[in-house]
Amino acid sequence: MPDAAPEPTAESLEVIRKFAETYAQRTGTYFCAEASVTSVVLKGLARHKDELGGALCPCRHYEDKQAEVSQAFWNCPCVPMRERKECHCMLFLTEDNPFACPSKTQTITTETIHATAG
C-alpha cells in the first residue's frame, strides 16, 4: 500500500487558505458545497507549495512536477481559471455552477480543512 501524502506545513496551508479566500472574493467565485472538495484541493496546493515551491494544481498528473511549476501554466490560479473561470479542481466555482455552495461560501476555516480533508 502506498504511503499517504505528507501533511502540508501549517504555514503553507494558512497561506493557501488565505489566498483562496481572497481570490474567490476578488473573482466572484465560490467554494464547493461539499467542504471536503475544497479542503482536499487546498491541502494539495499547500503540499505542492512545500515540496515544489509553487502551488501547482494537485488535481492533474504531471510527468515532471518541478518543470510544470517553472512553466506556471498549472500553478493556481491556472491559466484556464484566470482566462475563462474554468477550475478543473472545483476550488473556484462560478455562481451558476451546480456544485457551488448555495450560501455562496468564500471562506473556510483551518479546522474545517482538517476535519473534512480525510
PDB file of N, CA and C in Angstrom:
ATOM      1  N   MET A   1       0.848  -1.182   0.000  1.00  0.00           N
ATOM      2  CA  MET A   1       0.000   0.000   0.000  1.00  0.00           C
ATOM      3  C   MET A   1       0.891   1.243   0.000  1.00  0.00           C
ATOM      4  N   PRO A   2       0.643   2.220  -0.895  1.00  0.00           N
ATOM      5  CA  PRO A   2       1.491   3.408  -0.952  1.00  0.00           C
ATOM      6  C   PRO A   2       1.356   4.254   0.306  1.00  0.00           C
ATOM      7  N   ASP A   3       2.426   4.960   0.604  1.00  0.00           N
ATOM      8  CA  ASP A   3       2.397   5.865   1.753  1.00  0.00           C
ATOM      9  C   ASP A   3       1.401   6.986   1.505  1.00  0.00           C
ATOM     10  N   ALA A   4       0.754   7.419   2.566  1.00  0.00           N
ATOM     11  CA  ALA A   4      -0.160   8.562   2.460  1.00  0.00           C
ATOM     12  C   ALA A   4       0.654   9.816   2.175  1.00  0.00           C
ATOM     13  N   ALA A   5       0.026  10.744   1.497  1.00  0.00           N
ATOM     14  CA  ALA A   5       0.707  12.009   1.200  1.00  0.00           C
ATOM     15  C   ALA A   5       1.021  12.721   2.511  1.00  0.00           C
ATOM     16  N   PRO A   6       2.179  13.344   2.596  1.00  0.00           N
ATOM     17  CA  PRO A   6       2.528  14.054   3.832  1.00  0.00           C
ATOM     18  C   PRO A   6       1.618  15.262   4.043  1.00  0.00           C
ATOM     19  N   GLU A   7       1.408  15.584   5.285  1.00  0.00           N
ATOM     20  CA  GLU A   7       0.619  16.765   5.609  1.00  0.00           C
ATOM     21  C   GLU A   7       1.419  18.020   5.238  1.00  0.00           C
ATOM     22  N   PRO A   8       0.754  19.028   4.696  1.00  0.00           N
ATOM     23  CA  PRO A   8       1.463  20.286   4.433  1.00  0.00           C
ATOM     24  C   PRO A   8       1.769  20.985   5.742  1.00  0.00           C
ATOM     25  N   THR A   9       2.730  21.886   5.719  1.00  0.00           N
ATOM     26  CA  THR A   9       3.022  22.650   6.927  1.00  0.00           C
ATOM     27  C   THR A   9       1.846  23.570   7.240  1.00  0.00           C
ATOM     28  N   ALA A  10       1.694  23.891   8.503  1.00  0.00           N
ATOM     29  CA  ALA A  10       0.617  24.789   8.931  1.00  0.00           C
ATOM     30  C   ALA A  10       0.760  26.147   8.245  1.00  0.00           C
ATOM     31  N   GLU A  11       1.990  26.594   8.082  1.00  0.00           N
ATOM     32  CA  GLU A  11       2.248  27.890   7.443  1.00  0.00           C
ATOM     33  C   GLU A  11       1.780  27.888   5.983  1.00  0.00           C
ATOM     34  N   SER A  12       2.151  26.866   5.233  1.00  0.00           N
ATOM     35  CA  SER A  12       1.734  26.801   3.832  1.00  0.00           C
ATOM     36  C   SER A  12       0.225  26.658   3.703  1.00  0.00           C
ATOM     37  N   LEU A  13      -0.378  25.865   4.553  1.00  0.00           N
ATOM     38  CA  LEU A  13      -1.825  25.698   4.499  1.00  0.00           C
ATOM     39  C   LEU A  13      -2.531  27.016   4.766  1.00  0.00           C
ATOM     40  N   GLU A  14      -2.027  27.777   5.713  1.00  0.00           N
ATOM     41  CA  GLU A  14      -2.646  29.067   6.020  1.00  0.00           C
ATOM     42  C   GLU A  14      -2.458  30.068   4.876  1.00  0.00           C
ATOM     43  N   VAL A  15      -1.297  30.082   4.258  1.00  0.00           N
ATOM     44  CA  VAL A  15      -1.046  30.957   3.105  1.00  0.00           C
ATOM     45  C   VAL A  15      -2.011  30.613   1.975  1.00  0.00           C
ATOM     46  N   ILE A  16      -2.155  29.330   1.692  1.00  0.00           N
ATOM     47  CA  ILE A  16      -3.032  28.884   0.607  1.00  0.00           C
ATOM     48  C   ILE A  16      -4.499  29.157   0.957  1.00  0.00           C
ATOM     49  N   ARG A  17      -4.893  28.920   2.196  1.00  0.00           N
ATOM     50  CA  ARG A  17      -6.269  29.181   2.626  1.00  0.00           C
ATOM     51  C   ARG A  17      -6.620  30.650   2.425  1.00  0.00           C
ATOM     52  N   LYS A  18      -5.748  31.533   2.889  1.00  0.00           N
ATOM     53  CA  LYS A  18      -5.990  32.976   2.739  1.00  0.00           C
ATOM     54  C   LYS A  18      -6.004  33.388   1.265  1.00  0.00           C
ATOM     55  N   PHE A  19      -5.075  32.830   0.486  1.00  0.00           N
ATOM     56  CA  PHE A  19      -5.048  33.118  -0.943  1.00  0.00           C
ATOM     57  C   PHE A  19      -6.379  32.734  -1.583  1.00  0.00           C
ATOM     58  N   ALA A  20      -6.873  31.522  -1.294  1.00  0.00           N
ATOM     59  CA  ALA A  20      -8.104  31.028  -1.910  1.00  0.00           C
ATOM     60  C   ALA A  20      -9.293  31.906  -1.537  1.00  0.00           C
ATOM     61  N   GLU A  21      -9.388  32.295  -0.287  1.00  0.00           N
ATOM     62  CA  GLU A  21     -10.492  33.166   0.133  1.00  0.00           C
ATOM     63  C   GLU A  21     -10.429  34.512  -0.593  1.00  0.00           C
ATOM     64  N   THR A  22      -9.266  35.092  -0.638  1.00  0.00           N
ATOM     65  CA  THR A  22      -9.096  36.389  -1.303  1.00  0.00           C
ATOM     66  C   THR A  22      -9.388  36.280  -2.796  1.00  0.00           C
ATOM     67  N   TYR A  23      -8.884  35.224  -3.426  1.00  0.00           N
ATOM     68  CA  TYR A  23      -9.099  35.053  -4.858  1.00  0.00           C
ATOM     69  C   TYR A  23     -10.577  34.839  -5.165  1.00  0.00           C
ATOM     70  N   ALA A  24     -11.257  34.047  -4.367  1.00  0.00           N
ATOM     71  CA  ALA A  24     -12.695  33.815  -4.573  1.00  0.00           C
ATOM     72  C   ALA A  24     -13.464  35.133  -4.447  1.00  0.00           C
ATOM     73  N   GLN A  25     -13.137  35.919  -3.462  1.00  0.00           N
ATOM     74  CA  GLN A  25     -13.820  37.200  -3.279  1.00  0.00           C
ATOM     75  C   GLN A  25     -13.526  38.149  -4.428  1.00  0.00           C
ATOM     76  N   ARG A  26     -12.287  38.185  -4.858  1.00  0.00           N
ATOM     77  CA  ARG A  26     -11.884  39.094  -5.936  1.00  0.00           C
ATOM     78  C   ARG A  26     -12.502  38.719  -7.277  1.00  0.00           C
ATOM     79  N   THR A  27     -12.701  37.425  -7.510  1.00  0.00           N
ATOM     80  CA  THR A  27     -13.193  36.972  -8.811  1.00  0.00           C
ATOM     81  C   THR A  27     -14.682  36.649  -8.826  1.00  0.00           C
ATOM     82  N   GLY A  28     -15.353  36.777  -7.691  1.00  0.00           N
ATOM     83  CA  GLY A  28     -16.776  36.450  -7.635  1.00  0.00           C
ATOM     84  C   GLY A  28     -17.040  34.972  -7.829  1.00  0.00           C
ATOM     85  N   THR A  29     -16.114  34.133  -7.353  1.00  0.00           N
ATOM     86  CA  THR A  29     -16.296  32.690  -7.416  1.00  0.00           C
ATOM     87  C   THR A  29     -16.537  32.169  -6.007  1.00  0.00           C
ATOM     88  N   TYR A  30     -16.939  30.892  -5.936  1.00  0.00           N
ATOM     89  CA  TYR A  30     -17.345  30.320  -4.659  1.00  0.00           C
ATOM     90  C   TYR A  30     -16.750  28.936  -4.478  1.00  0.00           C
ATOM     91  N   PHE A  31     -16.668  28.509  -3.219  1.00  0.00           N
ATOM     92  CA  PHE A  31     -16.184  27.175  -2.915  1.00  0.00           C
ATOM     93  C   PHE A  31     -17.306  26.163  -3.127  1.00  0.00           C
ATOM     94  N   CYS A  32     -16.908  24.930  -3.260  1.00  0.00           N
ATOM     95  CA  CYS A  32     -17.833  23.830  -3.487  1.00  0.00           C
ATOM     96  C   CYS A  32     -18.742  23.636  -2.265  1.00  0.00           C
ATOM     97  N   ALA A  33     -19.977  23.220  -2.535  1.00  0.00           N
ATOM     98  CA  ALA A  33     -20.928  22.954  -1.454  1.00  0.00           C
ATOM     99  C   ALA A  33     -20.420  21.840  -0.538  1.00  0.00           C
ATOM    100  N   GLU A  34     -19.628  20.935  -1.081  1.00  0.00           N
ATOM    101  CA  GLU A  34     -19.034  19.855  -0.289  1.00  0.00           C
ATOM    102  C   GLU A  34     -17.661  20.320   0.195  1.00  0.00           C
ATOM    103  N   ALA A  35     -17.565  20.674   1.473  1.00  0.00           N
ATOM    104  CA  ALA A  35     -16.334  21.248   2.025  1.00  0.00           C
ATOM    105  C   ALA A  35     -15.122  20.348   1.829  1.00  0.00           C
ATOM    106  N   SER A  36     -15.328  19.036   1.766  1.00  0.00           N
ATOM    107  CA  SER A  36     -14.187  18.136   1.609  1.00  0.00           C
ATOM    108  C   SER A  36     -13.476  18.353   0.279  1.00  0.00           C
ATOM    109  N   VAL A  37     -14.201  18.748  -0.762  1.00  0.00           N
ATOM    110  CA  VAL A  37     -13.580  19.027  -2.062  1.00  0.00           C
ATOM    111  C   VAL A  37     -12.615  20.204  -1.911  1.00  0.00           C
ATOM    112  N   THR A  38     -13.098  21.283  -1.329  1.00  0.00           N
ATOM    113  CA  THR A  38     -12.266  22.471  -1.111  1.00  0.00           C
ATOM    114  C   THR A  38     -11.066  22.125  -0.234  1.00  0.00           C
ATOM    115  N   SER A  39     -11.303  21.373   0.827  1.00  0.00           N
ATOM    116  CA  SER A  39     -10.239  21.035   1.771  1.00  0.00           C
ATOM    117  C   SER A  39      -9.135  20.204   1.134  1.00  0.00           C
ATOM    118  N   VAL A  40      -9.505  19.207   0.362  1.00  0.00           N
ATOM    119  CA  VAL A  40      -8.511  18.347  -0.276  1.00  0.00           C
ATOM    120  C   VAL A  40      -7.669  19.143  -1.271  1.00  0.00           C
ATOM    121  N   VAL A  41      -8.308  20.006  -2.035  1.00  0.00           N
ATOM    122  CA  VAL A  41      -7.571  20.813  -3.014  1.00  0.00           C
ATOM    123  C   VAL A  41      -6.625  21.776  -2.301  1.00  0.00           C
ATOM    124  N   LEU A  42      -7.101  22.430  -1.248  1.00  0.00           N
ATOM    125  CA  LEU A  42      -6.243  23.367  -0.520  1.00  0.00           C
ATOM    126  C   LEU A  42      -5.041  22.653   0.093  1.00  0.00           C
ATOM    127  N   LYS A  43      -5.263  21.474   0.653  1.00  0.00           N
ATOM    128  CA  LYS A  43      -4.133  20.718   1.208  1.00  0.00           C
ATOM    129  C   LYS A  43      -3.150  20.324   0.099  1.00  0.00           C
ATOM    130  N   GLY A  44      -3.669  19.931  -1.051  1.00  0.00           N
ATOM    131  CA  GLY A  44      -2.791  19.579  -2.164  1.00  0.00           C
ATOM    132  C   GLY A  44      -1.970  20.755  -2.652  1.00  0.00           C
ATOM    133  N   LEU A  45      -2.602  21.918  -2.735  1.00  0.00           N
ATOM    134  CA  LEU A  45      -1.874  23.131  -3.132  1.00  0.00           C
ATOM    135  C   LEU A  45      -0.796  23.469  -2.116  1.00  0.00           C
ATOM    136  N   ALA A  46      -1.130  23.362  -0.831  1.00  0.00           N
ATOM    137  CA  ALA A  46      -0.160  23.664   0.230  1.00  0.00           C
ATOM    138  C   ALA A  46       0.990  22.658   0.213  1.00  0.00           C
ATOM    139  N   ARG A  47       0.675  21.400  -0.025  1.00  0.00           N
ATOM    140  CA  ARG A  47       1.710  20.365  -0.102  1.00  0.00           C
ATOM    141  C   ARG A  47       2.659  20.658  -1.267  1.00  0.00           C
ATOM    142  N   HIS A  48       2.106  21.048  -2.406  1.00  0.00           N
ATOM    143  CA  HIS A  48       2.965  21.385  -3.552  1.00  0.00           C
ATOM    144  C   HIS A  48       3.798  22.627  -3.260  1.00  0.00           C
ATOM    145  N   LYS A  49       3.229  23.577  -2.538  1.00  0.00           N
ATOM    146  CA  LYS A  49       3.999  24.764  -2.150  1.00  0.00           C
ATOM    147  C   LYS A  49       5.211  24.345  -1.312  1.00  0.00           C
ATOM    148  N   ASP A  50       4.976  23.430  -0.369  1.00  0.00           N
ATOM    149  CA  ASP A  50       6.078  22.943   0.475  1.00  0.00           C
ATOM    150  C   ASP A  50       7.116  22.175  -0.337  1.00  0.00           C
ATOM    151  N   GLU A  51       6.661  21.236  -1.174  1.00  0.00           N
ATOM    152  CA  GLU A  51       7.563  20.324  -1.874  1.00  0.00           C
ATOM    153  C   GLU A  51       8.213  20.925  -3.111  1.00  0.00           C
ATOM    154  N   LEU A  52       7.463  21.799  -3.812  1.00  0.00           N
ATOM    155  CA  LEU A  52       7.925  22.289  -5.115  1.00  0.00           C
ATOM    156  C   LEU A  52       8.194  23.785  -5.144  1.00  0.00           C
ATOM    157  N   GLY A  53       7.767  24.484  -4.106  1.00  0.00           N
ATOM    158  CA  GLY A  53       7.949  25.928  -4.071  1.00  0.00           C
ATOM    159  C   GLY A  53       6.868  26.691  -4.811  1.00  0.00           C
ATOM    160  N   GLY A  54       5.846  25.987  -5.296  1.00  0.00           N
ATOM    161  CA  GLY A  54       4.751  26.640  -6.015  1.00  0.00           C
ATOM    162  C   GLY A  54       3.463  25.865  -5.847  1.00  0.00           C
ATOM    163  N   ALA A  55       2.359  26.565  -5.965  1.00  0.00           N
ATOM    164  CA  ALA A  55       1.040  25.974  -5.768  1.00  0.00           C
ATOM    165  C   ALA A  55       0.544  25.338  -7.069  1.00  0.00           C
ATOM    166  N   LEU A  56       1.176  24.250  -7.461  1.00  0.00           N
ATOM    167  CA  LEU A  56       0.815  23.515  -8.666  1.00  0.00           C
ATOM    168  C   LEU A  56      -0.519  22.806  -8.438  1.00  0.00           C
ATOM    169  N   CYS A  57      -1.396  22.885  -9.426  1.00  0.00           N
ATOM    170  CA  CYS A  57      -2.701  22.220  -9.348  1.00  0.00           C
ATOM    171  C   CYS A  57      -2.500  20.773  -8.913  1.00  0.00           C
ATOM    172  N   PRO A  58      -3.133  20.348  -7.812  1.00  0.00           N
ATOM    173  CA  PRO A  58      -2.933  18.982  -7.331  1.00  0.00           C
ATOM    174  C   PRO A  58      -3.855  17.953  -7.998  1.00  0.00           C
ATOM    175  N   CYS A  59      -4.710  18.391  -8.871  1.00  0.00           N
ATOM    176  CA  CYS A  59      -5.731  17.509  -9.453  1.00  0.00           C
ATOM    177  C   CYS A  59      -5.351  16.960 -10.819  1.00  0.00           C
ATOM    178  N   ARG A  60      -4.138  17.167 -11.236  1.00  0.00           N
ATOM    179  CA  ARG A  60      -3.685  16.709 -12.548  1.00  0.00           C
ATOM    180  C   ARG A  60      -2.448  15.829 -12.379  1.00  0.00           C
ATOM    181  N   HIS A  61      -2.179  15.029 -13.400  1.00  0.00           N
ATOM    182  CA  HIS A  61      -0.973  14.202 -13.417  1.00  0.00           C
ATOM    183  C   HIS A  61       0.113  14.932 -14.205  1.00  0.00           C
ATOM    184  N   TYR A  62       1.326  14.892 -13.694  1.00  0.00           N
ATOM    185  CA  TYR A  62       2.457  15.548 -14.349  1.00  0.00           C
ATOM    186  C   TYR A  62       3.616  14.565 -14.434  1.00  0.00           C
ATOM    187  N   GLU A  63       4.281  14.537 -15.563  1.00  0.00           N
ATOM    188  CA  GLU A  63       5.488  13.724 -15.700  1.00  0.00           C
ATOM    189  C   GLU A  63       6.622  14.331 -14.868  1.00  0.00           C
ATOM    190  N   ASP A  64       6.711  15.649 -14.875  1.00  0.00           N
ATOM    191  CA  ASP A  64       7.778  16.355 -14.158  1.00  0.00           C
ATOM    192  C   ASP A  64       7.163  17.565 -13.444  1.00  0.00           C
ATOM    193  N   LYS A  65       6.828  17.388 -12.183  1.00  0.00           N
ATOM    194  CA  LYS A  65       6.155  18.451 -11.431  1.00  0.00           C
ATOM    195  C   LYS A  65       6.998  19.720 -11.342  1.00  0.00           C
ATOM    196  N   GLN A  66       8.302  19.561 -11.129  1.00  0.00           N
ATOM    197  CA  GLN A  66       9.167  20.735 -10.999  1.00  0.00           C
ATOM    198  C   GLN A  66       9.168  21.555 -12.291  1.00  0.00           C
ATOM    199  N   ALA A  67       9.210  20.884 -13.428  1.00  0.00           N
ATOM    200  CA  ALA A  67       9.159  21.589 -14.710  1.00  0.00           C
ATOM    201  C   ALA A  67       7.819  22.306 -14.867  1.00  0.00           C
ATOM    202  N   GLU A  68       6.757  21.669 -14.455  1.00  0.00           N
ATOM    203  CA  GLU A  68       5.433  22.292 -14.544  1.00  0.00           C
ATOM    204  C   GLU A  68       5.336  23.535 -13.670  1.00  0.00           C
ATOM    205  N   VAL A  69       5.897  23.487 -12.484  1.00  0.00           N
ATOM    206  CA  VAL A  69       5.896  24.661 -11.609  1.00  0.00           C
ATOM    207  C   VAL A  69       6.623  25.809 -12.282  1.00  0.00           C
ATOM    208  N   SER A  70       7.755  25.525 -12.897  1.00  0.00           N
ATOM    209  CA  SER A  70       8.538  26.592 -13.530  1.00  0.00           C
ATOM    210  C   SER A  70       7.824  27.182 -14.746  1.00  0.00           C
ATOM    211  N   GLN A  71       7.007  26.387 -15.432  1.00  0.00           N
ATOM    212  CA  GLN A  71       6.251  26.901 -16.576  1.00  0.00           C
ATOM    213  C   GLN A  71       5.045  27.720 -16.136  1.00  0.00           C
ATOM    214  N   ALA A  72       4.531  27.456 -14.939  1.00  0.00           N
ATOM    215  CA  ALA A  72       3.468  28.222 -14.279  1.00  0.00           C
ATOM    216  C   ALA A  72       2.071  28.101 -14.889  1.00  0.00           C
ATOM    217  N   PHE A  73       1.893  27.342 -15.962  1.00  0.00           N
ATOM    218  CA  PHE A  73       0.569  27.244 -16.580  1.00  0.00           C
ATOM    219  C   PHE A  73      -0.453  26.662 -15.616  1.00  0.00           C
ATOM    220  N   TRP A  74      -0.068  25.603 -14.862  1.00  0.00           N
ATOM    221  CA  TRP A  74      -0.983  24.945 -13.934  1.00  0.00           C
ATOM    222  C   TRP A  74      -0.808  25.402 -12.500  1.00  0.00           C
ATOM    223  N   ASN A  75      -0.022  26.450 -12.262  1.00  0.00           N
ATOM    224  CA  ASN A  75       0.069  26.999 -10.909  1.00  0.00           C
ATOM    225  C   ASN A  75      -1.220  27.741 -10.602  1.00  0.00           C
ATOM    226  N   CYS A  76      -1.725  27.563  -9.417  1.00  0.00           N
ATOM    227  CA  CYS A  76      -3.015  28.130  -9.027  1.00  0.00           C
ATOM    228  C   CYS A  76      -2.890  29.634  -8.748  1.00  0.00           C
ATOM    229  N   PRO A  77      -3.771  30.428  -9.327  1.00  0.00           N
ATOM    230  CA  PRO A  77      -4.820  30.065 -10.249  1.00  0.00           C
ATOM    231  C   PRO A  77      -4.221  29.795 -11.630  1.00  0.00           C
ATOM    232  N   CYS A  78      -4.620  28.688 -12.213  1.00  0.00           N
ATOM    233  CA  CYS A  78      -4.071  28.276 -13.503  1.00  0.00           C
ATOM    234  C   CYS A  78      -4.593  29.171 -14.629  1.00  0.00           C
ATOM    235  N   VAL A  79      -4.001  29.031 -15.780  1.00  0.00           N
ATOM    236  CA  VAL A  79      -4.389  29.853 -16.925  1.00  0.00           C
ATOM    237  C   VAL A  79      -5.875  29.674 -17.277  1.00  0.00           C
ATOM    238  N   PRO A  80      -6.401  28.449 -17.343  1.00  0.00           N
ATOM    239  CA  PRO A  80      -7.836  28.328 -17.647  1.00  0.00           C
ATOM    240  C   PRO A  80      -8.723  29.069 -16.627  1.00  0.00           C
ATOM    241  N   MET A  81      -8.326  29.067 -15.373  1.00  0.00           N
ATOM    242  CA  MET A  81      -9.102  29.790 -14.358  1.00  0.00           C
ATOM    243  C   MET A  81      -8.985  31.295 -14.574  1.00  0.00           C
ATOM    244  N   ARG A  82      -7.783  31.757 -14.777  1.00  0.00           N
ATOM    245  CA  ARG A  82      -7.586  33.205 -14.946  1.00  0.00           C
ATOM    246  C   ARG A  82      -8.262  33.727 -16.198  1.00  0.00           C
ATOM    247  N   GLU A  83      -8.228  32.945 -17.266  1.00  0.00           N
ATOM    248  CA  GLU A  83      -8.768  33.422 -18.539  1.00  0.00           C
ATOM    249  C   GLU A  83     -10.265  33.183 -18.714  1.00  0.00           C
ATOM    250  N   ARG A  84     -10.765  32.024 -18.221  1.00  0.00           N
ATOM    251  CA  ARG A  84     -12.161  31.659 -18.509  1.00  0.00           C
ATOM    252  C   ARG A  84     -12.978  31.275 -17.280  1.00  0.00           C
ATOM    253  N   LYS A  85     -12.380  31.385 -16.094  1.00  0.00           N
ATOM    254  CA  LYS A  85     -13.020  30.943 -14.850  1.00  0.00           C
ATOM    255  C   LYS A  85     -13.414  29.474 -14.923  1.00  0.00           C
ATOM    256  N   GLU A  86     -12.498  28.649 -15.458  1.00  0.00           N
ATOM    257  CA  GLU A  86     -12.684  27.209 -15.526  1.00  0.00           C
ATOM    258  C   GLU A  86     -11.708  26.550 -14.557  1.00  0.00           C
ATOM    259  N   CYS A  87     -12.242  26.007 -13.484  1.00  0.00           N
ATOM    260  CA  CYS A  87     -11.408  25.382 -12.461  1.00  0.00           C
ATOM    261  C   CYS A  87     -11.651  23.884 -12.442  1.00  0.00           C
ATOM    262  N   HIS A  88     -10.702  23.139 -12.978  1.00  0.00           N
ATOM    263  CA  HIS A  88     -10.771  21.684 -13.036  1.00  0.00           C
ATOM    264  C   HIS A  88     -10.890  21.083 -11.632  1.00  0.00           C
ATOM    265  N   CYS A  89     -10.298  21.705 -10.653  1.00  0.00           N
ATOM    266  CA  CYS A  89     -10.268  21.192  -9.276  1.00  0.00           C
ATOM    267  C   CYS A  89     -11.566  21.426  -8.507  1.00  0.00           C
ATOM    268  N   MET A  90     -12.420  22.265  -9.041  1.00  0.00           N
ATOM    269  CA  MET A  90     -13.650  22.670  -8.364  1.00  0.00           C
ATOM    270  C   MET A  90     -13.372  23.482  -7.097  1.00  0.00           C
ATOM    271  N   LEU A  91     -12.238  24.172  -7.085  1.00  0.00           N
ATOM    272  CA  LEU A  91     -11.938  25.050  -5.958  1.00  0.00           C
ATOM    273  C   LEU A  91     -12.680  26.369  -6.127  1.00  0.00           C
ATOM    274  N   PHE A  92     -12.619  26.929  -7.312  1.00  0.00           N
ATOM    275  CA  PHE A  92     -13.278  28.205  -7.598  1.00  0.00           C
ATOM    276  C   PHE A  92     -14.410  27.956  -8.592  1.00  0.00           C
ATOM    277  N   LEU A  93     -15.638  28.107  -8.134  1.00  0.00           N
ATOM    278  CA  LEU A  93     -16.801  27.822  -8.960  1.00  0.00           C
ATOM    279  C   LEU A  93     -17.595  29.094  -9.233  1.00  0.00           C
ATOM    280  N   THR A  94     -18.094  29.195 -10.442  1.00  0.00           N
ATOM    281  CA  THR A  94     -18.937  30.345 -10.775  1.00  0.00           C
ATOM    282  C   THR A  94     -20.308  30.164 -10.113  1.00  0.00           C
ATOM    283  N   GLU A  95     -21.007  31.260  -9.993  1.00  0.00           N
ATOM    284  CA  GLU A  95     -22.296  31.261  -9.300  1.00  0.00           C
ATOM    285  C   GLU A  95     -23.290  30.276  -9.909  1.00  0.00           C
ATOM    286  N   ASP A  96     -23.228  30.080 -11.208  1.00  0.00           N
ATOM    287  CA  ASP A  96     -24.182  29.197 -11.877  1.00  0.00           C
ATOM    288  C   ASP A  96     -23.775  27.723 -11.848  1.00  0.00           C
ATOM    289  N   ASN A  97     -22.645  27.398 -11.272  1.00  0.00           N
ATOM    290  CA  ASN A  97     -22.202  26.015 -11.195  1.00  0.00           C
ATOM    291  C   ASN A  97     -23.060  25.265 -10.169  1.00  0.00           C
ATOM    292  N   PRO A  98     -23.623  24.114 -10.546  1.00  0.00           N
ATOM    293  CA  PRO A  98     -24.497  23.394  -9.621  1.00  0.00           C
ATOM    294  C   PRO A  98     -23.788  22.884  -8.367  1.00  0.00           C
ATOM    295  N   PHE A  99     -22.456  22.841  -8.378  1.00  0.00           N
ATOM    296  CA  PHE A  99     -21.715  22.387  -7.203  1.00  0.00           C
ATOM    297  C   PHE A  99     -21.341  23.531  -6.266  1.00  0.00           C
ATOM    298  N   ALA A 100     -21.581  24.770  -6.681  1.00  0.00           N
ATOM    299  CA  ALA A 100     -21.274  25.920  -5.822  1.00  0.00           C
ATOM    300  C   ALA A 100     -22.185  25.883  -4.607  1.00  0.00           C
ATOM    301  N   CYS A 101     -21.625  26.269  -3.501  1.00  0.00           N
ATOM    302  CA  CYS A 101     -22.385  26.272  -2.259  1.00  0.00           C
ATOM    303  C   CYS A 101     -23.562  27.241  -2.371  1.00  0.00           C
ATOM    304  N   PRO A 102     -24.784  26.781  -2.061  1.00  0.00           N
ATOM    305  CA  PRO A 102     -25.950  27.664  -2.151  1.00  0.00           C
ATOM    306  C   PRO A 102     -25.804  28.933  -1.309  1.00  0.00           C
ATOM    307  N   SER A 103     -25.025  28.844  -0.240  1.00  0.00           N
ATOM    308  CA  SER A 103     -24.829  30.023   0.610  1.00  0.00           C
ATOM    309  C   SER A 103     -23.719  30.929   0.088  1.00  0.00           C
ATOM    310  N   LYS A 104     -23.165  30.593  -1.088  1.00  0.00           N
ATOM    311  CA  LYS A 104     -22.114  31.388  -1.729  1.00  0.00           C
ATOM    312  C   LYS A 104     -20.899  31.541  -0.814  1.00  0.00           C
ATOM    313  N   THR A 105     -20.397  30.433  -0.353  1.00  0.00           N
ATOM    314  CA  THR A 105     -19.274  30.415   0.573  1.00  0.00           C
ATOM    315  C   THR A 105     -17.967  30.810  -0.117  1.00  0.00           C
ATOM    316  N   GLN A 106     -17.277  31.773   0.482  1.00  0.00           N
ATOM    317  CA  GLN A 106     -15.958  32.195   0.009  1.00  0.00           C
ATOM    318  C   GLN A 106     -14.931  32.133   1.130  1.00  0.00           C
ATOM    319  N   THR A 107     -15.288  31.464   2.198  1.00  0.00           N
ATOM    320  CA  THR A 107     -14.371  31.311   3.330  1.00  0.00           C
ATOM    321  C   THR A 107     -14.382  29.860   3.792  1.00  0.00           C
ATOM    322  N   ILE A 108     -13.281  29.472   4.412  1.00  0.00           N
ATOM    323  CA  ILE A 108     -13.162  28.144   5.004  1.00  0.00           C
ATOM    324  C   ILE A 108     -12.171  28.251   6.141  1.00  0.00           C
ATOM    325  N   THR A 109     -12.444  27.589   7.244  1.00  0.00           N
ATOM    326  CA  THR A 109     -11.533  27.640   8.391  1.00  0.00           C
ATOM    327  C   THR A 109     -10.507  26.517   8.299  1.00  0.00           C
ATOM    328  N   THR A 110      -9.413  26.702   8.985  1.00  0.00           N
ATOM    329  CA  THR A 110      -8.394  25.662   9.070  1.00  0.00           C
ATOM    330  C   THR A 110      -8.985  24.422   9.711  1.00  0.00           C
ATOM    331  N   GLU A 111      -9.822  24.610  10.717  1.00  0.00           N
ATOM    332  CA  GLU A 111     -10.453  23.492  11.402  1.00  0.00           C
ATOM    333  C   GLU A 111     -11.299  22.666  10.425  1.00  0.00           C
ATOM    334  N   THR A 112     -12.054  23.348   9.568  1.00  0.00           N
ATOM    335  CA  THR A 112     -12.872  22.651   8.570  1.00  0.00           C
ATOM    336  C   THR A 112     -11.994  21.885   7.599  1.00  0.00           C
ATOM    337  N   ILE A 113     -10.895  22.488   7.195  1.00  0.00           N
ATOM    338  CA  ILE A 113      -9.976  21.809   6.271  1.00  0.00           C
ATOM    339  C   ILE A 113      -9.488  20.506   6.893  1.00  0.00           C
ATOM    340  N   HIS A 114      -9.029  20.564   8.132  1.00  0.00           N
ATOM    341  CA  HIS A 114      -8.518  19.363   8.797  1.00  0.00           C
ATOM    342  C   HIS A 114      -9.605  18.320   9.036  1.00  0.00           C
ATOM    343  N   ALA A 115     -10.806  18.780   9.340  1.00  0.00           N
ATOM    344  CA  ALA A 115     -11.910  17.866   9.656  1.00  0.00           C
ATOM    345  C   ALA A 115     -12.477  17.175   8.420  1.00  0.00           C
ATOM    346  N   THR A 116     -12.377  17.821   7.264  1.00  0.00           N
ATOM    347  CA  THR A 116     -13.062  17.281   6.085  1.00  0.00           C
ATOM    348  C   THR A 116     -12.128  16.768   4.993  1.00  0.00           C
ATOM    349  N   ALA A 117     -10.835  16.990   5.115  1.00  0.00           N
ATOM    350  CA  ALA A 117      -9.912  16.588   4.035  1.00  0.00           C
ATOM    351  C   ALA A 117      -9.630  15.092   4.036  1.00  0.00           C
ATOM    352  N   GLY A 118     -10.034  14.411   5.070  1.00  0.00           N
ATOM    353  CA  GLY A 118      -9.859  12.955   5.083  1.00  0.00           C
ATOM    354  C   GLY A 118      -8.539  12.492   5.576  1.00  0.00           C
TER     355      GLY A 118
END
